[in-house]
Amino acid sequence: MEHMKLITDARADLNKYHVLGELVCTEEDRKIFEFLSSIKVELSRDTKSGYTIIFNFDSNEYFENTKLWKKYERTKTSASPIQWTQGKGVDEQSFFKRFSEVDKRDEIGEMIKDELWSDPLICFHHEADVENVAVKMR
């Protein structure tokens, strides 16, 4: 089991510099990510058959969950339901919509596993590096 724990002060850097913050998140997502305490990637026994990404959050005003997960397997995906606090929720462009889109291929999930999890210092790269990452996704 592998685990990447974000440094508390680095949360803003994740939002500012990494693809999660610059390319797929809304302003509301940025506020929610301030409560992110760690990201964990668990590989299946056969690493080619799948993996699970677990996002751990501090208690917050947006949802009741302290843990959100999404499991990627060869033929399907599954995810934890988000228990939104009454009056809270996200729009269609939100990162968190991925938790309800369980049948879609998710390049962001692959990128978290292959780039962020394997190279957590990417969060601290200079802002110009964000443009390079964006090109890689197209």
C-alpha atoms as a PDB file:
ATOM      1  CA  MET A   1       0.000   0.000   0.000  1.00  0.00           C
ATOM      2  CA  GLU A   2       1.442   3.354  -1.060  1.00  0.00           C
ATOM      3  CA  HIS A   3       0.439   6.665   0.390  1.00  0.00           C
ATOM      4  CA  MET A   4       1.197  10.260  -0.447  1.00  0.00           C
ATOM      5  CA  LYS A   5       0.413  12.712   2.323  1.00  0.00           C
ATOM      6  CA  LEU A   6       0.184  16.336   1.331  1.00  0.00           C
ATOM      7  CA  ILE A   7       1.938  18.840   3.536  1.00  0.00           C
ATOM      8  CA  THR A   8      -0.742  21.072   5.029  1.00  0.00           C
ATOM      9  CA  ASP A   9       0.811  24.271   3.681  1.00  0.00           C
ATOM     10  CA  ALA A  10       1.111  22.678   0.244  1.00  0.00           C
ATOM     11  CA  ARG A  11      -2.637  22.505  -0.335  1.00  0.00           C
ATOM     12  CA  ALA A  12      -2.684  25.923  -1.950  1.00  0.00           C
ATOM     13  CA  ASP A  13       0.216  24.869  -4.163  1.00  0.00           C
ATOM     14  CA  LEU A  14      -1.742  21.825  -5.312  1.00  0.00           C
ATOM     15  CA  ASN A  15      -4.583  24.107  -6.294  1.00  0.00           C
ATOM     16  CA  LYS A  16      -2.305  26.654  -7.917  1.00  0.00           C
ATOM     17  CA  TYR A  17       0.186  24.534  -9.792  1.00  0.00           C
ATOM     18  CA  HIS A  18      -1.054  21.053 -10.436  1.00  0.00           C
ATOM     19  CA  VAL A  19      -3.428  20.006 -13.162  1.00  0.00           C
ATOM     20  CA  LEU A  20      -6.128  19.352 -10.576  1.00  0.00           C
ATOM     21  CA  GLY A  21      -6.147  23.025  -9.730  1.00  0.00           C
ATOM     22  CA  GLU A  22      -5.448  24.704 -13.032  1.00  0.00           C
ATOM     23  CA  LEU A  23      -7.173  22.572 -15.624  1.00  0.00           C
ATOM     24  CA  VAL A  24     -10.199  20.818 -14.192  1.00  0.00           C
ATOM     25  CA  CYS A  25     -11.324  22.612 -11.035  1.00  0.00           C
ATOM     26  CA  THR A  26     -13.864  25.339 -10.577  1.00  0.00           C
ATOM     27  CA  GLU A  27     -13.515  28.100  -8.007  1.00  0.00           C
ATOM     28  CA  GLU A  28     -15.832  26.120  -5.725  1.00  0.00           C
ATOM     29  CA  ASP A  29     -13.558  23.077  -6.126  1.00  0.00           C
ATOM     30  CA  ARG A  30     -10.594  25.185  -5.033  1.00  0.00           C
ATOM     31  CA  LYS A  31     -12.432  26.034  -1.819  1.00  0.00           C
ATOM     32  CA  ILE A  32     -13.234  22.363  -1.228  1.00  0.00           C
ATOM     33  CA  PHE A  33      -9.622  21.316  -1.896  1.00  0.00           C
ATOM     34  CA  GLU A  34      -8.517  23.552   0.982  1.00  0.00           C
ATOM     35  CA  PHE A  35      -9.847  20.742   3.206  1.00  0.00           C
ATOM     36  CA  LEU A  36      -7.876  17.995   1.406  1.00  0.00           C
ATOM     37  CA  SER A  37      -5.533  16.312   3.887  1.00  0.00           C
ATOM     38  CA  SER A  38      -4.071  13.483   1.784  1.00  0.00           C
ATOM     39  CA  ILE A  39      -4.294  11.493  -1.414  1.00  0.00           C
ATOM     40  CA  LYS A  40      -3.706   7.768  -1.364  1.00  0.00           C
ATOM     41  CA  VAL A  41      -3.311   5.420  -4.324  1.00  0.00           C
ATOM     42  CA  GLU A  42      -3.824   1.718  -3.728  1.00  0.00           C
ATOM     43  CA  LEU A  43      -2.757  -0.574  -6.534  1.00  0.00           C
ATOM     44  CA  SER A  44      -4.582  -3.838  -7.120  1.00  0.00           C
ATOM     45  CA  ARG A  45      -2.542  -6.965  -6.508  1.00  0.00           C
ATOM     46  CA  ASP A  46      -2.101  -7.219 -10.242  1.00  0.00           C
ATOM     47  CA  THR A  47      -1.125  -3.602 -10.964  1.00  0.00           C
ATOM     48  CA  LYS A  48      -2.381  -3.897 -14.540  1.00  0.00           C
ATOM     49  CA  SER A  49      -5.902  -4.725 -13.403  1.00  0.00           C
ATOM     50  CA  GLY A  50      -6.617  -1.529 -11.522  1.00  0.00           C
ATOM     51  CA  TYR A  51      -6.134   0.897  -8.682  1.00  0.00           C
ATOM     52  CA  THR A  52      -8.096   3.016  -6.220  1.00  0.00           C
ATOM     53  CA  ILE A  53      -7.532   6.707  -5.531  1.00  0.00           C
ATOM     54  CA  ILE A  54      -8.588   7.854  -2.070  1.00  0.00           C
ATOM     55  CA  PHE A  55      -8.983  11.534  -1.197  1.00  0.00           C
ATOM     56  CA  ASN A  56      -9.027  12.232   2.553  1.00  0.00           C
ATOM     57  CA  PHE A  57     -10.606  15.484   3.712  1.00  0.00           C
ATOM     58  CA  ASP A  58     -10.840  17.317   7.004  1.00  0.00           C
ATOM     59  CA  SER A  59     -14.371  18.024   8.221  1.00  0.00           C
ATOM     60  CA  ASN A  60     -15.846  20.731   6.040  1.00  0.00           C
ATOM     61  CA  GLU A  61     -19.027  22.599   5.176  1.00  0.00           C
ATOM     62  CA  TYR A  62     -19.375  21.039   1.702  1.00  0.00           C
ATOM     63  CA  PHE A  63     -19.932  17.329   2.326  1.00  0.00           C
ATOM     64  CA  GLU A  64     -20.198  14.893   5.194  1.00  0.00           C
ATOM     65  CA  ASN A  65     -17.643  12.410   3.843  1.00  0.00           C
ATOM     66  CA  THR A  66     -14.092  12.584   5.136  1.00  0.00           C
ATOM     67  CA  LYS A  67     -13.009  10.072   2.495  1.00  0.00           C
ATOM     68  CA  LEU A  68     -13.878   9.947  -1.205  1.00  0.00           C
ATOM     69  CA  TRP A  69     -12.605   7.150  -3.417  1.00  0.00           C
ATOM     70  CA  LYS A  70     -12.743   6.090  -7.020  1.00  0.00           C
ATOM     71  CA  LYS A  71     -11.790   2.595  -8.141  1.00  0.00           C
ATOM     72  CA  TYR A  72     -10.506   1.970 -11.650  1.00  0.00           C
ATOM     73  CA  GLU A  73     -10.591  -1.545 -13.064  1.00  0.00           C
ATOM     74  CA  ARG A  74     -10.010  -2.787 -16.592  1.00  0.00           C
ATOM     75  CA  THR A  75     -13.673  -3.022 -17.454  1.00  0.00           C
ATOM     76  CA  LYS A  76     -15.402  -0.663 -15.032  1.00  0.00           C
ATOM     77  CA  THR A  77     -15.066   2.094 -12.488  1.00  0.00           C
ATOM     78  CA  SER A  78     -16.862   2.678  -9.218  1.00  0.00           C
ATOM     79  CA  ALA A  79     -16.844   5.523  -6.725  1.00  0.00           C
ATOM     80  CA  SER A  80     -18.032   6.547  -3.308  1.00  0.00           C
ATOM     81  CA  PRO A  81     -21.182   8.653  -3.324  1.00  0.00           C
ATOM     82  CA  ILE A  82     -20.652  12.192  -2.091  1.00  0.00           C
ATOM     83  CA  GLN A  83     -22.948  13.130   0.776  1.00  0.00           C
ATOM     84  CA  TRP A  84     -23.330  16.835   0.028  1.00  0.00           C
ATOM     85  CA  THR A  85     -24.348  19.147   2.836  1.00  0.00           C
ATOM     86  CA  GLN A  86     -27.793  20.623   2.226  1.00  0.00           C
ATOM     87  CA  GLY A  87     -27.525  23.601  -0.115  1.00  0.00           C
ATOM     88  CA  LYS A  88     -24.063  22.583  -1.334  1.00  0.00           C
ATOM     89  CA  GLY A  89     -23.095  20.811  -4.515  1.00  0.00           C
ATOM     90  CA  VAL A  90     -21.124  21.419  -7.674  1.00  0.00           C
ATOM     91  CA  ASP A  91     -21.726  22.270 -11.312  1.00  0.00           C
ATOM     92  CA  GLU A  92     -21.076  20.100 -14.363  1.00  0.00           C
ATOM     93  CA  GLN A  93     -17.470  21.316 -14.774  1.00  0.00           C
ATOM     94  CA  SER A  94     -16.461  20.283 -11.265  1.00  0.00           C
ATOM     95  CA  PHE A  95     -13.714  17.813 -10.453  1.00  0.00           C
ATOM     96  CA  PHE A  96     -16.175  16.148  -8.071  1.00  0.00           C
ATOM     97  CA  LYS A  97     -18.586  15.229 -10.902  1.00  0.00           C
ATOM     98  CA  ARG A  98     -16.124  12.419 -11.667  1.00  0.00           C
ATOM     99  CA  PHE A  99     -17.456  10.553  -8.636  1.00  0.00           C
ATOM    100  CA  SER A 100     -20.856  10.190 -10.316  1.00  0.00           C
ATOM    101  CA  GLU A 101     -19.440   9.380 -13.779  1.00  0.00           C
ATOM    102  CA  VAL A 102     -18.453   5.823 -13.034  1.00  0.00           C
ATOM    103  CA  ASP A 103     -18.647   4.384 -16.537  1.00  0.00           C
ATOM    104  CA  LYS A 104     -16.362   6.909 -18.211  1.00  0.00           C
ATOM    105  CA  ARG A 105     -12.631   6.591 -18.827  1.00  0.00           C
ATOM    106  CA  ASP A 106     -10.968   9.154 -16.600  1.00  0.00           C
ATOM    107  CA  GLU A 107      -7.665  10.621 -17.769  1.00  0.00           C
ATOM    108  CA  ILE A 108      -7.421  12.682 -14.593  1.00  0.00           C
ATOM    109  CA  GLY A 109      -7.448   9.498 -12.492  1.00  0.00           C
ATOM    110  CA  GLU A 110      -4.648   8.062 -14.600  1.00  0.00           C
ATOM    111  CA  MET A 111      -2.700  11.293 -14.281  1.00  0.00           C
ATOM    112  CA  ILE A 112      -3.080  11.324 -10.486  1.00  0.00           C
ATOM    113  CA  LYS A 113      -1.740   7.760 -10.330  1.00  0.00           C
ATOM    114  CA  ASP A 114       1.019   8.140 -12.913  1.00  0.00           C
ATOM    115  CA  GLU A 115       2.206  11.696 -12.276  1.00  0.00           C
ATOM    116  CA  LEU A 116       1.067  13.219  -8.984  1.00  0.00           C
ATOM    117  CA  TRP A 117       1.334  10.052  -6.918  1.00  0.00           C
ATOM    118  CA  SER A 118       4.628   8.937  -8.459  1.00  0.00           C
ATOM    119  CA  ASP A 119       6.099  12.482  -8.357  1.00  0.00           C
ATOM    120  CA  PRO A 120       4.442  14.445  -5.518  1.00  0.00           C
ATOM    121  CA  LEU A 121       6.916  17.297  -5.934  1.00  0.00           C
ATOM    122  CA  ILE A 122       5.083  18.238  -9.123  1.00  0.00           C
ATOM    123  CA  CYS A 123       2.901  20.321  -6.776  1.00  0.00           C
ATOM    124  CA  PHE A 124       5.849  22.600  -6.173  1.00  0.00           C
ATOM    125  CA  HIS A 125       7.018  23.103  -9.756  1.00  0.00           C
ATOM    126  CA  HIS A 126       7.054  26.595 -11.144  1.00  0.00           C
ATOM    127  CA  GLU A 127       3.774  27.942 -12.526  1.00  0.00           C
ATOM    128  CA  ALA A 128       5.149  27.761 -16.079  1.00  0.00           C
ATOM    129  CA  ASP A 129       5.251  23.980 -15.761  1.00  0.00           C
ATOM    130  CA  VAL A 130       1.450  23.935 -15.685  1.00  0.00           C
ATOM    131  CA  GLU A 131       1.427  24.858 -19.368  1.00  0.00           C
ATOM    132  CA  ASN A 132       3.694  21.905 -20.128  1.00  0.00           C
ATOM    133  CA  VAL A 133       1.369  19.542 -18.270  1.00  0.00           C
ATOM    134  CA  ALA A 134      -1.627  20.955 -20.135  1.00  0.00           C
ATOM    135  CA  VAL A 135       0.012  20.173 -23.459  1.00  0.00           C
ATOM    136  CA  LYS A 136       0.607  16.577 -22.376  1.00  0.00           C
ATOM    137  CA  MET A 137      -3.116  16.084 -21.774  1.00  0.00           C
ATOM    138  CA  ARG A 138      -4.258  17.227 -25.215  1.00  0.00           C
END
